[in-house]
């Protein structure tokens, strides 16, 4: 019998497993996917508080070696506002999500957490002494507690019957990385012109001939059922705002996000708890969801 079974081995699940192992808790992490996410994936931003957590656990240097630092600051009334003097860890750290995921999982494994891949949670049965977890292999596991860290479409949350009310998406945005045939100076001039009137638009170099593209989508979809966007979707969206698609080709990764916000009606039902995106979702700009998920894990652990 385990003390805690965690559904989902994303950042929230992996960090929670590590935190529990620091207290000697017997923990098993169940991950539906059989392997890591693709090597080409978006860069995520770790905020100051997340970097402080990494430093607290002796992990900061590992992440700094693999990421890119950016000064913390902001804009007030169109005037750049630097971070206050003396602010500790006054940087944001950009790091590819697969790299961050791997570092979090390595940390959990080093502390003795077990991770079982290809094992999706399909059922939960609670009693006074614990929870029986049914997984996709047909196996039944016993644990004192279960934590659902299985994302916005959380199976654990659905099995609990916990509602997920909130505001649906009113705006859709496409985001991805791809190459382009247009000359860099032509792209830069067009981007500067578009950004005068379009608030959410980026077409910037990301190294080795690749561009990071963020552009408003043509239409709003329900993301939990929508298929991933295609390169043709990006071409159409770019032509709609810039009059050209800059000859985009060879995409590294493509995604779509909206501005939906949702909050679980409860974070706990008996011996089962929710954390990370399973408990709350936010527009992904700025990495709010990832960073809150890390803090969920540390607070819960």
Protein backbone atom coordinates (compact mmCIF):
# COMPACT_ATOMS: atom_id res chain seq x y z
CA UNK A 1 0.00 0.00 0.00
CA UNK A 2 1.33 3.42 -0.94
CA UNK A 3 0.95 6.54 1.15
CA UNK A 4 0.19 8.72 -1.87
CA UNK A 5 -0.54 7.96 -5.52
CA UNK A 6 -0.14 10.93 -7.85
CA UNK A 7 -1.89 11.01 -11.22
CA UNK A 8 0.26 12.88 -13.73
CA UNK A 9 4.02 13.34 -14.03
CA UNK A 10 4.10 16.89 -15.33
CA UNK A 11 5.89 19.57 -13.30
CA UNK A 12 3.22 19.66 -10.57
CA UNK A 13 3.15 15.89 -10.11
CA UNK A 14 6.93 15.46 -10.23
CA UNK A 15 7.60 18.29 -7.77
CA UNK A 16 4.91 17.01 -5.41
CA UNK A 17 6.46 13.53 -5.52
CA UNK A 18 9.86 15.00 -4.66
CA UNK A 19 8.45 17.05 -1.79
CA UNK A 20 6.70 14.02 -0.34
CA UNK A 21 9.86 11.91 -0.59
CA UNK A 22 11.72 14.54 1.44
CA UNK A 23 9.37 13.55 4.29
CA UNK A 24 9.81 9.81 3.71
CA UNK A 25 6.38 9.35 2.15
CA UNK A 26 5.90 6.25 -0.05
CA UNK A 27 4.75 7.71 -3.33
CA UNK A 28 3.89 6.36 -6.78
CA UNK A 29 3.39 8.60 -9.81
CA UNK A 30 1.12 7.30 -12.58
CA UNK A 31 1.60 8.86 -16.03
CA UNK A 32 -0.71 8.05 -18.93
CA UNK A 33 1.91 8.86 -21.58
CA UNK A 34 4.46 6.18 -22.38
CA UNK A 35 7.33 8.57 -23.10
CA UNK A 36 8.46 12.18 -22.68
CA UNK A 37 6.94 15.05 -24.64
CA UNK A 38 8.50 15.74 -28.10
CA UNK A 39 11.93 17.37 -28.08
CA UNK A 40 10.67 20.44 -29.94
CA UNK A 41 8.37 22.18 -27.52
CA UNK A 42 7.67 25.63 -26.23
CA UNK A 43 9.86 27.59 -23.88
CA UNK A 44 8.26 28.26 -20.50
CA UNK A 45 9.07 31.03 -18.02
CA UNK A 46 9.90 30.33 -14.40
CA UNK A 47 9.04 33.26 -12.14
CA UNK A 48 10.97 34.66 -9.19
CA UNK A 49 9.08 32.59 -6.61
CA UNK A 50 9.66 29.41 -8.60
CA UNK A 51 13.39 30.17 -8.78
CA UNK A 52 13.41 30.69 -5.03
CA UNK A 53 11.82 27.25 -4.61
CA UNK A 54 14.47 25.73 -6.88
CA UNK A 55 17.20 27.39 -4.82
CA UNK A 56 15.60 26.11 -1.62
CA UNK A 57 15.85 22.55 -2.95
CA UNK A 58 19.36 22.92 -4.39
CA UNK A 59 18.13 22.75 -7.99
CA UNK A 60 18.66 26.31 -9.21
CA UNK A 61 22.07 25.77 -10.84
CA UNK A 62 20.72 22.83 -12.90
CA UNK A 63 18.00 25.03 -14.35
CA UNK A 64 20.20 28.08 -14.88
CA UNK A 65 22.62 25.96 -16.91
CA UNK A 66 19.84 24.90 -19.30
CA UNK A 67 17.81 28.11 -19.54
CA UNK A 68 18.08 31.75 -20.52
CA UNK A 69 17.75 34.54 -17.95
CA UNK A 70 15.74 37.69 -18.53
CA UNK A 71 15.58 40.67 -16.14
CA UNK A 72 12.37 41.08 -14.19
CA UNK A 73 10.56 44.30 -14.88
CA UNK A 74 7.36 45.69 -16.27
CA UNK A 75 5.66 48.54 -18.04
CA UNK A 76 3.54 51.25 -16.44
CA UNK A 77 1.76 53.81 -18.65
CA UNK A 78 3.98 52.69 -21.57
CA UNK A 79 7.10 53.48 -19.50
CA UNK A 80 9.52 50.59 -18.82
CA UNK A 81 9.75 49.95 -15.09
CA UNK A 82 12.74 47.90 -13.86
CA UNK A 83 12.60 45.61 -10.86
CA UNK A 84 13.05 47.27 -7.45
CA UNK A 85 16.66 47.38 -6.26
CA UNK A 86 17.69 44.57 -3.97
CA UNK A 87 15.03 42.13 -5.21
CA UNK A 88 16.46 38.64 -4.84
CA UNK A 89 16.52 36.42 -7.93
CA UNK A 90 15.30 39.34 -10.05
CA UNK A 91 15.19 37.35 -13.26
CA UNK A 92 12.76 35.24 -15.22
CA UNK A 93 14.18 32.00 -16.54
CA UNK A 94 13.15 30.80 -19.98
CA UNK A 95 13.67 27.07 -20.42
CA UNK A 96 12.30 24.52 -22.93
CA UNK A 97 9.40 22.68 -21.33
CA UNK A 98 10.77 19.17 -22.07
CA UNK A 99 14.02 20.14 -20.35
CA UNK A 100 12.19 21.50 -17.29
CA UNK A 101 9.95 18.42 -17.15
CA UNK A 102 12.98 16.15 -17.29
CA UNK A 103 14.81 18.01 -14.53
CA UNK A 104 11.77 17.88 -12.24
CA UNK A 105 11.29 14.16 -12.88
CA UNK A 106 15.00 13.44 -12.37
CA UNK A 107 14.82 15.21 -9.01
CA UNK A 108 11.86 13.10 -7.92
CA UNK A 109 13.58 9.89 -9.03
CA UNK A 110 16.78 10.80 -7.18
CA UNK A 111 14.73 11.06 -4.00
CA UNK A 112 13.20 7.62 -4.55
CA UNK A 113 9.84 8.39 -6.15
CA UNK A 114 8.50 5.64 -8.41
CA UNK A 115 7.12 6.67 -11.80
CA UNK A 116 5.02 4.25 -13.84
CA UNK A 117 4.38 5.27 -17.45
CA UNK A 118 1.58 4.06 -19.68
CA UNK A 119 -0.65 3.84 -16.61
CA UNK A 120 -3.69 6.10 -16.80
CA UNK A 121 -6.12 6.34 -13.89
CA UNK A 122 -9.52 4.95 -14.93
CA UNK A 123 -11.31 4.53 -11.60
CA UNK A 124 -11.32 5.52 -7.93
CA UNK A 125 -13.00 3.84 -4.95
CA UNK A 126 -12.72 5.45 -1.52
CA UNK A 127 -13.28 4.01 1.94
CA UNK A 128 -12.34 4.99 5.50
CA UNK A 129 -8.82 3.60 5.23
CA UNK A 130 -7.73 4.66 1.76
CA UNK A 131 -8.39 4.76 -1.98
CA UNK A 132 -8.39 1.97 -4.55
CA UNK A 133 -6.98 3.27 -7.82
CA UNK A 134 -7.88 1.42 -11.00
CA UNK A 135 -5.44 1.94 -13.87
CA UNK A 136 -5.60 1.33 -17.61
CA UNK A 137 -3.76 -2.00 -17.34
CA UNK A 138 -6.62 -3.32 -15.20
CA UNK A 139 -4.48 -3.33 -12.07
CA UNK A 140 -5.92 -2.10 -8.77
CA UNK A 141 -3.64 -0.20 -6.38
CA UNK A 142 -4.21 0.84 -2.77
CA UNK A 143 -3.10 4.17 -1.35
CA UNK A 144 -3.88 6.25 1.69
CA UNK A 145 -4.34 9.34 -0.49
CA UNK A 146 -4.51 10.28 -4.18
CA UNK A 147 -3.61 13.61 -5.78
CA UNK A 148 -4.82 14.50 -9.26
CA UNK A 149 -2.10 16.43 -11.10
CA UNK A 150 -3.37 15.26 -14.47
CA UNK A 151 -4.02 18.57 -16.16
CA UNK A 152 -6.94 20.67 -17.31
CA UNK A 153 -8.85 17.64 -18.62
CA UNK A 154 -8.22 15.83 -15.32
CA UNK A 155 -9.67 12.32 -15.19
CA UNK A 156 -9.35 12.38 -11.40
CA UNK A 157 -11.49 15.52 -11.16
CA UNK A 158 -14.11 13.98 -13.45
CA UNK A 159 -14.18 10.73 -11.48
CA UNK A 160 -14.80 12.76 -8.32
CA UNK A 161 -17.67 14.60 -9.98
CA UNK A 162 -16.10 17.94 -9.06
CA UNK A 163 -17.33 20.77 -11.26
CA UNK A 164 -14.94 23.04 -13.16
CA UNK A 165 -16.86 26.30 -13.66
CA UNK A 166 -15.40 29.46 -15.11
CA UNK A 167 -15.22 31.68 -18.15
CA UNK A 168 -14.92 30.11 -21.62
CA UNK A 169 -12.47 31.37 -24.20
CA UNK A 170 -13.42 34.62 -25.89
CA UNK A 171 -10.20 34.90 -27.89
CA UNK A 172 -8.08 32.22 -29.48
CA UNK A 173 -4.37 32.56 -30.20
CA UNK A 174 -2.02 30.39 -32.23
CA UNK A 175 1.52 29.86 -30.97
CA UNK A 176 4.36 27.89 -32.51
CA UNK A 177 7.87 27.78 -33.88
CA UNK A 178 8.65 27.50 -37.59
CA UNK A 179 10.97 28.65 -40.37
CA UNK A 180 10.18 31.37 -42.92
CA UNK A 181 11.44 32.24 -46.42
CA UNK A 182 10.89 36.02 -46.17
CA UNK A 183 14.04 38.14 -45.56
CA UNK A 184 14.57 39.06 -41.89
CA UNK A 185 14.43 42.81 -42.59
CA UNK A 186 11.07 42.41 -44.36
CA UNK A 187 9.70 40.41 -41.43
CA UNK A 188 10.94 42.97 -38.88
CA UNK A 189 9.34 45.89 -40.75
CA UNK A 190 6.01 44.10 -41.12
CA UNK A 191 5.96 43.01 -37.48
CA UNK A 192 6.59 46.58 -36.29
CA UNK A 193 3.69 47.81 -38.39
CA UNK A 194 1.27 45.09 -37.25
CA UNK A 195 2.13 45.60 -33.58
CA UNK A 196 0.88 49.18 -33.81
CA UNK A 197 -2.69 47.86 -33.93
CA UNK A 198 -2.61 44.16 -32.94
CA UNK A 199 -1.89 43.67 -29.23
CA UNK A 200 -1.10 39.95 -29.33
CA UNK A 201 1.33 39.40 -32.19
CA UNK A 202 4.89 38.12 -32.28
CA UNK A 203 7.03 36.91 -35.15
CA UNK A 204 10.52 36.94 -33.71
CA UNK A 205 13.77 35.07 -34.38
CA UNK A 206 14.41 32.19 -32.01
CA UNK A 207 17.78 30.99 -33.26
CA UNK A 208 18.96 28.74 -36.10
CA UNK A 209 16.53 30.22 -38.63
CA UNK A 210 13.48 29.45 -36.47
CA UNK A 211 10.84 32.04 -35.56
CA UNK A 212 8.53 32.10 -32.55
CA UNK A 213 5.07 33.02 -33.84
CA UNK A 214 2.10 34.22 -31.78
CA UNK A 215 -0.89 35.40 -33.81
CA UNK A 216 -4.65 35.79 -33.21
CA UNK A 217 -6.61 32.83 -34.59
CA UNK A 218 -9.47 33.26 -37.02
CA UNK A 219 -12.30 32.03 -34.78
CA UNK A 220 -12.77 30.60 -31.28
CA UNK A 221 -12.95 26.87 -30.52
CA UNK A 222 -13.69 24.81 -27.45
CA UNK A 223 -10.13 23.67 -26.68
CA UNK A 224 -10.99 20.51 -24.84
CA UNK A 225 -12.37 19.12 -28.11
CA UNK A 226 -10.48 21.11 -30.75
CA UNK A 227 -7.80 19.41 -32.87
CA UNK A 228 -4.28 20.90 -32.90
CA UNK A 229 -3.76 23.75 -35.38
CA UNK A 230 -2.04 23.16 -38.72
CA UNK A 231 0.53 25.19 -40.62
CA UNK A 232 -2.32 26.25 -42.91
CA UNK A 233 -4.11 27.73 -39.89
CA UNK A 234 -1.02 29.82 -39.14
CA UNK A 235 -0.71 30.94 -42.77
CA UNK A 236 -4.32 32.11 -42.83
CA UNK A 237 -4.04 33.90 -39.49
CA UNK A 238 -0.83 35.66 -40.53
CA UNK A 239 -2.31 36.81 -43.82
CA UNK A 240 -5.34 38.15 -41.94
CA UNK A 241 -3.25 40.47 -39.75
CA UNK A 242 -0.07 41.07 -41.78
CA UNK A 243 -1.18 40.58 -45.38
CA UNK A 244 1.42 37.81 -45.82
CA UNK A 245 2.41 34.56 -44.18
CA UNK A 246 6.14 35.29 -44.60
CA UNK A 247 6.53 31.92 -46.33
CA UNK A 248 6.28 29.90 -43.13
CA UNK A 249 7.30 26.25 -43.34
CA UNK A 250 8.92 23.41 -41.41
CA UNK A 251 7.06 23.86 -38.10
CA UNK A 252 8.78 22.65 -34.94
CA UNK A 253 5.61 22.65 -32.86
CA UNK A 254 2.16 24.24 -33.14
CA UNK A 255 -0.41 24.94 -30.47
CA UNK A 256 -3.56 26.88 -29.79
CA UNK A 257 -4.62 28.53 -26.56
CA UNK A 258 -7.54 30.58 -25.39
CA UNK A 259 -8.20 32.89 -22.48
CA UNK A 260 -10.49 30.55 -20.55
CA UNK A 261 -10.26 30.63 -16.77
CA UNK A 262 -11.72 27.85 -14.61
CA UNK A 263 -11.55 26.89 -10.94
CA UNK A 264 -12.49 23.53 -9.43
CA UNK A 265 -15.47 23.72 -7.08
CA UNK A 266 -13.42 21.83 -4.48
CA UNK A 267 -9.73 20.99 -4.16
CA UNK A 268 -10.47 17.93 -2.04
CA UNK A 269 -13.06 15.17 -1.88
CA UNK A 270 -12.36 12.76 0.97
CA UNK A 271 -8.90 11.28 0.47
CA UNK A 272 -8.47 12.64 -3.06
CA UNK A 273 -7.01 16.08 -3.78
CA UNK A 274 -6.44 18.22 -6.89
CA UNK A 275 -3.45 20.39 -7.78
CA UNK A 276 -2.09 22.35 -10.74
CA UNK A 277 -4.16 22.59 -13.91
CA UNK A 278 -6.51 19.93 -12.57
CA UNK A 279 -7.61 22.52 -9.99
CA UNK A 280 -7.32 25.80 -11.92
CA UNK A 281 -6.56 26.95 -15.46
CA UNK A 282 -5.44 30.32 -16.74
CA UNK A 283 -4.44 31.87 -20.07
CA UNK A 284 -0.91 30.51 -20.66
CA UNK A 285 0.73 33.87 -21.39
CA UNK A 286 3.47 34.43 -18.82
CA UNK A 287 3.46 30.87 -17.54
CA UNK A 288 1.02 31.52 -14.69
CA UNK A 289 -0.34 27.98 -14.70
CA UNK A 290 3.05 26.26 -14.51
CA UNK A 291 4.32 28.50 -11.74
CA UNK A 292 1.17 28.18 -9.66
CA UNK A 293 1.32 24.42 -10.11
CA UNK A 294 4.83 24.35 -8.65
CA UNK A 295 3.65 26.33 -5.65
CA UNK A 296 0.65 24.01 -5.25
CA UNK A 297 3.06 21.08 -5.10
CA UNK A 298 5.38 22.66 -2.54
CA UNK A 299 2.49 23.82 -0.36
CA UNK A 300 0.79 20.42 -0.50
CA UNK A 301 4.03 18.48 0.05
